[in-house]
PDB file of all heavy atoms in Angstrom:
ATOM      1  N   CYS A   1     102.942 189.024  93.867  1.00  0.00           N
ATOM      2  CA  CYS A   1     104.176 188.466  93.307  1.00  0.00           C
ATOM      3  C   CYS A   1     103.863 187.414  92.232  1.00  0.00           C
ATOM      4  O   CYS A   1     104.442 187.433  91.144  1.00  0.00           O
ATOM      5  CB  CYS A   1     105.009 187.857  94.432  1.00  0.00           C
ATOM      6  SG  CYS A   1     106.575 187.152  93.886  1.00  0.00           S
ATOM      7  N   SER A   2     102.924 186.523  92.525  1.00  0.00           N
ATOM      8  CA  SER A   2     102.565 185.474  91.563  1.00  0.00           C
ATOM      9  C   SER A   2     101.886 186.065  90.331  1.00  0.00           C
ATOM     10  O   SER A   2     102.149 185.641  89.205  1.00  0.00           O
ATOM     11  CB  SER A   2     101.651 184.438  92.222  1.00  0.00           C
ATOM     12  OG  SER A   2     102.351 183.736  93.223  1.00  0.00           O
ATOM     13  N   ALA A   3     101.005 187.034  90.544  1.00  0.00           N
ATOM     14  CA  ALA A   3     100.316 187.663  89.415  1.00  0.00           C
ATOM     15  C   ALA A   3     101.301 188.376  88.499  1.00  0.00           C
ATOM     16  O   ALA A   3     101.159 188.336  87.273  1.00  0.00           O
ATOM     17  CB  ALA A   3      99.260 188.640  89.925  1.00  0.00           C
ATOM     18  N   GLU A   4     102.308 189.013  89.073  1.00  0.00           N
ATOM     19  CA  GLU A   4     103.319 189.688  88.255  1.00  0.00           C
ATOM     20  C   GLU A   4     104.100 188.682  87.422  1.00  0.00           C
ATOM     21  O   GLU A   4     104.438 188.951  86.269  1.00  0.00           O
ATOM     22  CB  GLU A   4     104.262 190.510  89.137  1.00  0.00           C
ATOM     23  CG  GLU A   4     103.607 191.765  89.679  1.00  0.00           C
ATOM     24  CD  GLU A   4     104.464 192.531  90.667  1.00  0.00           C
ATOM     25  OE1 GLU A   4     105.463 191.954  91.188  1.00  0.00           O
ATOM     26  OE2 GLU A   4     104.134 193.691  90.943  1.00  0.00           O
ATOM     27  N   LYS A   5     104.376 187.503  87.974  1.00  0.00           N
ATOM     28  CA  LYS A   5     105.088 186.462  87.225  1.00  0.00           C
ATOM     29  C   LYS A   5     104.264 185.957  86.047  1.00  0.00           C
ATOM     30  O   LYS A   5     104.808 185.653  84.986  1.00  0.00           O
ATOM     31  CB  LYS A   5     105.431 185.283  88.136  1.00  0.00           C
ATOM     32  CG  LYS A   5     106.518 185.581  89.135  1.00  0.00           C
ATOM     33  CD  LYS A   5     106.780 184.380  90.022  1.00  0.00           C
ATOM     34  CE  LYS A   5     107.820 184.716  91.075  1.00  0.00           C
ATOM     35  NZ  LYS A   5     107.999 183.618  92.036  1.00  0.00           N
ATOM     36  N   LEU A   6     102.942 185.863  86.227  1.00  0.00           N
ATOM     37  CA  LEU A   6     102.069 185.336  85.176  1.00  0.00           C
ATOM     38  C   LEU A   6     101.579 186.418  84.226  1.00  0.00           C
ATOM     39  O   LEU A   6     101.184 186.124  83.099  1.00  0.00           O
ATOM     40  CB  LEU A   6     100.856 184.635  85.795  1.00  0.00           C
ATOM     41  CG  LEU A   6     101.166 183.355  86.549  1.00  0.00           C
ATOM     42  CD1 LEU A   6      99.912 182.874  87.292  1.00  0.00           C
ATOM     43  CD2 LEU A   6     101.659 182.274  85.607  1.00  0.00           C
ATOM     44  N   GLY A   7     101.559 187.659  84.681  1.00  0.00           N
ATOM     45  CA  GLY A   7     101.015 188.742  83.878  1.00  0.00           C
ATOM     46  C   GLY A   7      99.496 188.686  83.888  1.00  0.00           C
ATOM     47  O   GLY A   7      98.889 187.723  84.341  1.00  0.00           O
ATOM     48  N   GLY A   8      98.886 189.708  83.422  1.00  0.00           N
ATOM     49  CA  GLY A   8      97.432 189.732  83.342  1.00  0.00           C
ATOM     50  C   GLY A   8      96.765 190.062  84.660  1.00  0.00           C
ATOM     51  O   GLY A   8      97.403 190.405  85.653  1.00  0.00           O
ATOM     52  N   VAL A   9      95.442 189.927  84.653  1.00  0.00           N
ATOM     53  CA  VAL A   9      94.610 190.242  85.805  1.00  0.00           C
ATOM     54  C   VAL A   9      94.051 188.931  86.355  1.00  0.00           C
ATOM     55  O   VAL A   9      93.641 188.054  85.588  1.00  0.00           O
ATOM     56  CB  VAL A   9      93.452 191.186  85.394  1.00  0.00           C
ATOM     57  CG1 VAL A   9      92.523 191.453  86.555  1.00  0.00           C
ATOM     58  CG2 VAL A   9      94.023 192.490  84.838  1.00  0.00           C
ATOM     59  N   HIS A  10      94.023 188.809  87.672  1.00  0.00           N
ATOM     60  CA  HIS A  10      93.548 187.580  88.306  1.00  0.00           C
ATOM     61  C   HIS A  10      92.524 187.914  89.378  1.00  0.00           C
ATOM     62  O   HIS A  10      92.622 188.945  90.048  1.00  0.00           O
ATOM     63  CB  HIS A  10      94.726 186.820  88.927  1.00  0.00           C
ATOM     64  CG  HIS A  10      95.775 186.471  87.920  1.00  0.00           C
ATOM     65  ND1 HIS A  10      95.708 185.342  87.150  1.00  0.00           N
ATOM     66  CD2 HIS A  10      96.890 187.129  87.539  1.00  0.00           C
ATOM     67  CE1 HIS A  10      96.748 185.313  86.333  1.00  0.00           C
ATOM     68  NE2 HIS A  10      97.479 186.387  86.545  1.00  0.00           N
ATOM     69  N   ARG A  11      91.553 187.020  89.544  1.00  0.00           N
ATOM     70  CA  ARG A  11      90.511 187.218  90.540  1.00  0.00           C
ATOM     71  C   ARG A  11      91.045 186.927  91.941  1.00  0.00           C
ATOM     72  O   ARG A  11      91.782 185.979  92.138  1.00  0.00           O
ATOM     73  CB  ARG A  11      89.340 186.268  90.302  1.00  0.00           C
ATOM     74  CG  ARG A  11      88.551 186.540  89.068  1.00  0.00           C
ATOM     75  CD  ARG A  11      87.477 185.461  88.942  1.00  0.00           C
ATOM     76  NE  ARG A  11      86.729 185.640  87.739  1.00  0.00           N
ATOM     77  CZ  ARG A  11      85.438 185.985  87.710  1.00  0.00           C
ATOM     78  NH1 ARG A  11      84.772 186.145  88.831  1.00  0.00           N
ATOM     79  NH2 ARG A  11      84.823 186.135  86.564  1.00  0.00           N
ATOM     80  N   VAL A  12      90.609 187.744  92.891  1.00  0.00           N
ATOM     81  CA  VAL A  12      90.877 187.478  94.297  1.00  0.00           C
ATOM     82  C   VAL A  12      89.605 187.739  95.095  1.00  0.00           C
ATOM     83  O   VAL A  12      88.718 188.479  94.663  1.00  0.00           O
ATOM     84  CB  VAL A  12      92.034 188.334  94.875  1.00  0.00           C
ATOM     85  CG1 VAL A  12      93.333 188.046  94.181  1.00  0.00           C
ATOM     86  CG2 VAL A  12      91.706 189.801  94.844  1.00  0.00           C
ATOM     87  N   HIS A  13      89.521 187.099  96.226  1.00  0.00           N
ATOM     88  CA  HIS A  13      88.427 187.306  97.167  1.00  0.00           C
ATOM     89  C   HIS A  13      89.079 187.811  98.442  1.00  0.00           C
ATOM     90  O   HIS A  13      89.900 187.119  99.033  1.00  0.00           O
ATOM     91  CB  HIS A  13      87.700 185.975  97.416  1.00  0.00           C
ATOM     92  CG  HIS A  13      86.687 186.036  98.509  1.00  0.00           C
ATOM     93  ND1 HIS A  13      85.439 186.569  98.329  1.00  0.00           N
ATOM     94  CD2 HIS A  13      86.755 185.627  99.800  1.00  0.00           C
ATOM     95  CE1 HIS A  13      84.763 186.477  99.463  1.00  0.00           C
ATOM     96  NE2 HIS A  13      85.537 185.915 100.375  1.00  0.00           N
ATOM     97  N   VAL A  14      88.754 189.032  98.855  1.00  0.00           N
ATOM     98  CA  VAL A  14      89.350 189.605 100.048  1.00  0.00           C
ATOM     99  C   VAL A  14      88.481 189.240 101.242  1.00  0.00           C
ATOM    100  O   VAL A  14      87.289 189.566 101.284  1.00  0.00           O
ATOM    101  CB  VAL A  14      89.500 191.138  99.931  1.00  0.00           C
ATOM    102  CG1 VAL A  14      90.060 191.723 101.217  1.00  0.00           C
ATOM    103  CG2 VAL A  14      90.387 191.480  98.738  1.00  0.00           C
ATOM    104  N   LYS A  15      89.080 188.543 102.198  1.00  0.00           N
ATOM    105  CA  LYS A  15      88.391 188.110 103.402  1.00  0.00           C
ATOM    106  C   LYS A  15      88.658 189.120 104.504  1.00  0.00           C
ATOM    107  O   LYS A  15      89.806 189.376 104.874  1.00  0.00           O
ATOM    108  CB  LYS A  15      88.891 186.717 103.811  1.00  0.00           C
ATOM    109  CG  LYS A  15      88.391 186.246 105.156  1.00  0.00           C
ATOM    110  CD  LYS A  15      86.909 185.979 105.147  1.00  0.00           C
ATOM    111  CE  LYS A  15      86.503 185.360 106.481  1.00  0.00           C
ATOM    112  NZ  LYS A  15      85.293 185.900 106.991  1.00  0.00           N
ATOM    113  N   VAL A  16      87.608 189.709 105.015  1.00  0.00           N
ATOM    114  CA  VAL A  16      87.714 190.684 106.087  1.00  0.00           C
ATOM    115  C   VAL A  16      87.228 190.025 107.375  1.00  0.00           C
ATOM    116  O   VAL A  16      86.171 189.386 107.393  1.00  0.00           O
ATOM    117  CB  VAL A  16      86.869 191.942 105.778  1.00  0.00           C
ATOM    118  CG1 VAL A  16      86.895 192.924 106.936  1.00  0.00           C
ATOM    119  CG2 VAL A  16      87.353 192.595 104.487  1.00  0.00           C
ATOM    120  N   ASP A  17      87.993 190.148 108.432  1.00  0.00           N
ATOM    121  CA  ASP A  17      87.611 189.602 109.734  1.00  0.00           C
ATOM    122  C   ASP A  17      86.431 190.417 110.254  1.00  0.00           C
ATOM    123  O   ASP A  17      86.556 191.608 110.520  1.00  0.00           O
ATOM    124  CB  ASP A  17      88.783 189.685 110.705  1.00  0.00           C
ATOM    125  CG  ASP A  17      88.472 189.079 112.058  1.00  0.00           C
ATOM    126  OD1 ASP A  17      87.295 188.772 112.337  1.00  0.00           O
ATOM    127  OD2 ASP A  17      89.416 188.904 112.842  1.00  0.00           O
ATOM    128  N   THR A  18      85.293 189.767 110.395  1.00  0.00           N
ATOM    129  CA  THR A  18      84.095 190.461 110.848  1.00  0.00           C
ATOM    130  C   THR A  18      83.813 190.223 112.325  1.00  0.00           C
ATOM    131  O   THR A  18      82.724 190.526 112.802  1.00  0.00           O
ATOM    132  CB  THR A  18      82.874 190.034 110.005  1.00  0.00           C
ATOM    133  OG1 THR A  18      82.724 188.606 110.108  1.00  0.00           O
ATOM    134  CG2 THR A  18      83.038 190.460 108.563  1.00  0.00           C
ATOM    135  N   GLY A  19      84.806 189.661 113.036  1.00  0.00           N
ATOM    136  CA  GLY A  19      84.642 189.524 114.469  1.00  0.00           C
ATOM    137  C   GLY A  19      84.917 188.147 115.038  1.00  0.00           C
ATOM    138  O   GLY A  19      85.058 187.992 116.243  1.00  0.00           O
ATOM    139  N   MET A  20      84.981 187.111 114.210  1.00  0.00           N
ATOM    140  CA  MET A  20      85.229 185.770 114.741  1.00  0.00           C
ATOM    141  C   MET A  20      86.712 185.501 114.956  1.00  0.00           C
ATOM    142  O   MET A  20      87.077 184.551 115.628  1.00  0.00           O
ATOM    143  CB  MET A  20      84.618 184.714 113.830  1.00  0.00           C
ATOM    144  CG  MET A  20      83.105 184.797 113.828  1.00  0.00           C
ATOM    145  SD  MET A  20      82.285 183.336 113.249  1.00  0.00           S
ATOM    146  CE  MET A  20      82.885 182.082 114.331  1.00  0.00           C
ATOM    147  N   HIS A  21      87.563 186.314 114.338  1.00  0.00           N
ATOM    148  CA  HIS A  21      89.018 186.223 114.501  1.00  0.00           C
ATOM    149  C   HIS A  21      89.592 184.873 114.062  1.00  0.00           C
ATOM    150  O   HIS A  21      90.574 184.411 114.610  1.00  0.00           O
ATOM    151  CB  HIS A  21      89.435 186.553 115.944  1.00  0.00           C
ATOM    152  CG  HIS A  21      88.883 187.850 116.426  1.00  0.00           C
ATOM    153  ND1 HIS A  21      89.259 189.057 115.882  1.00  0.00           N
ATOM    154  CD2 HIS A  21      87.944 188.125 117.355  1.00  0.00           C
ATOM    155  CE1 HIS A  21      88.593 190.026 116.478  1.00  0.00           C
ATOM    156  NE2 HIS A  21      87.789 189.496 117.364  1.00  0.00           N
ATOM    157  N   ARG A  22      88.949 184.243 113.078  1.00  0.00           N
ATOM    158  CA  ARG A  22      89.465 182.990 112.540  1.00  0.00           C
ATOM    159  C   ARG A  22      90.328 183.242 111.318  1.00  0.00           C
ATOM    160  O   ARG A  22      91.329 182.583 111.114  1.00  0.00           O
ATOM    161  CB  ARG A  22      88.321 182.044 112.163  1.00  0.00           C
ATOM    162  CG  ARG A  22      87.523 181.588 113.335  1.00  0.00           C
ATOM    163  CD  ARG A  22      86.504 180.559 112.989  1.00  0.00           C
ATOM    164  NE  ARG A  22      85.893 180.799 111.681  1.00  0.00           N
ATOM    165  CZ  ARG A  22      85.045 179.968 111.113  1.00  0.00           C
ATOM    166  NH1 ARG A  22      84.709 178.861 111.700  1.00  0.00           N
ATOM    167  NH2 ARG A  22      84.529 180.248 109.950  1.00  0.00           N
ATOM    168  N   MET A  23      89.894 184.155 110.498  1.00  0.00           N
ATOM    169  CA  MET A  23      90.633 184.446 109.270  1.00  0.00           C
ATOM    170  C   MET A  23      90.201 185.804 108.763  1.00  0.00           C
ATOM    171  O   MET A  23      89.055 186.193 108.926  1.00  0.00           O
ATOM    172  CB  MET A  23      90.343 183.386 108.207  1.00  0.00           C
ATOM    173  CG  MET A  23      91.105 183.601 106.930  1.00  0.00           C
ATOM    174  SD  MET A  23      90.578 182.408 105.693  1.00  0.00           S
ATOM    175  CE  MET A  23      91.287 183.173 104.271  1.00  0.00           C
ATOM    176  N   GLY A  24      91.124 186.484 108.125  1.00  0.00           N
ATOM    177  CA  GLY A  24      90.759 187.722 107.477  1.00  0.00           C
ATOM    178  C   GLY A  24      91.543 188.911 107.964  1.00  0.00           C
ATOM    179  O   GLY A  24      92.147 188.905 109.034  1.00  0.00           O
ATOM    180  N   VAL A  25      91.509 189.921 107.154  1.00  0.00           N
ATOM    181  CA  VAL A  25      92.177 191.178 107.443  1.00  0.00           C
ATOM    182  C   VAL A  25      91.324 191.944 108.450  1.00  0.00           C
ATOM    183  O   VAL A  25      90.117 192.074 108.277  1.00  0.00           O
ATOM    184  CB  VAL A  25      92.347 192.012 106.153  1.00  0.00           C
ATOM    185  CG1 VAL A  25      92.989 193.349 106.440  1.00  0.00           C
ATOM    186  CG2 VAL A  25      93.131 191.231 105.118  1.00  0.00           C
ATOM    187  N   ASP A  26      91.939 192.416 109.489  1.00  0.00           N
ATOM    188  CA  ASP A  26      91.241 193.215 110.487  1.00  0.00           C
ATOM    189  C   ASP A  26      90.976 194.587 109.886  1.00  0.00           C
ATOM    190  O   ASP A  26      91.912 195.264 109.449  1.00  0.00           O
ATOM    191  CB  ASP A  26      92.103 193.334 111.740  1.00  0.00           C
ATOM    192  CG  ASP A  26      91.370 193.989 112.900  1.00  0.00           C
ATOM    193  OD1 ASP A  26      90.573 194.917 112.670  1.00  0.00           O
ATOM    194  OD2 ASP A  26      91.619 193.563 114.037  1.00  0.00           O
TER     195      ASP A  26
END
């Protein structure tokens, strides 16, 4: 949503949950 408002391409870092269940996409 924010990227569409600003236009262009933006960097992201995708966090994957690797087992600690603190943060990240399962």
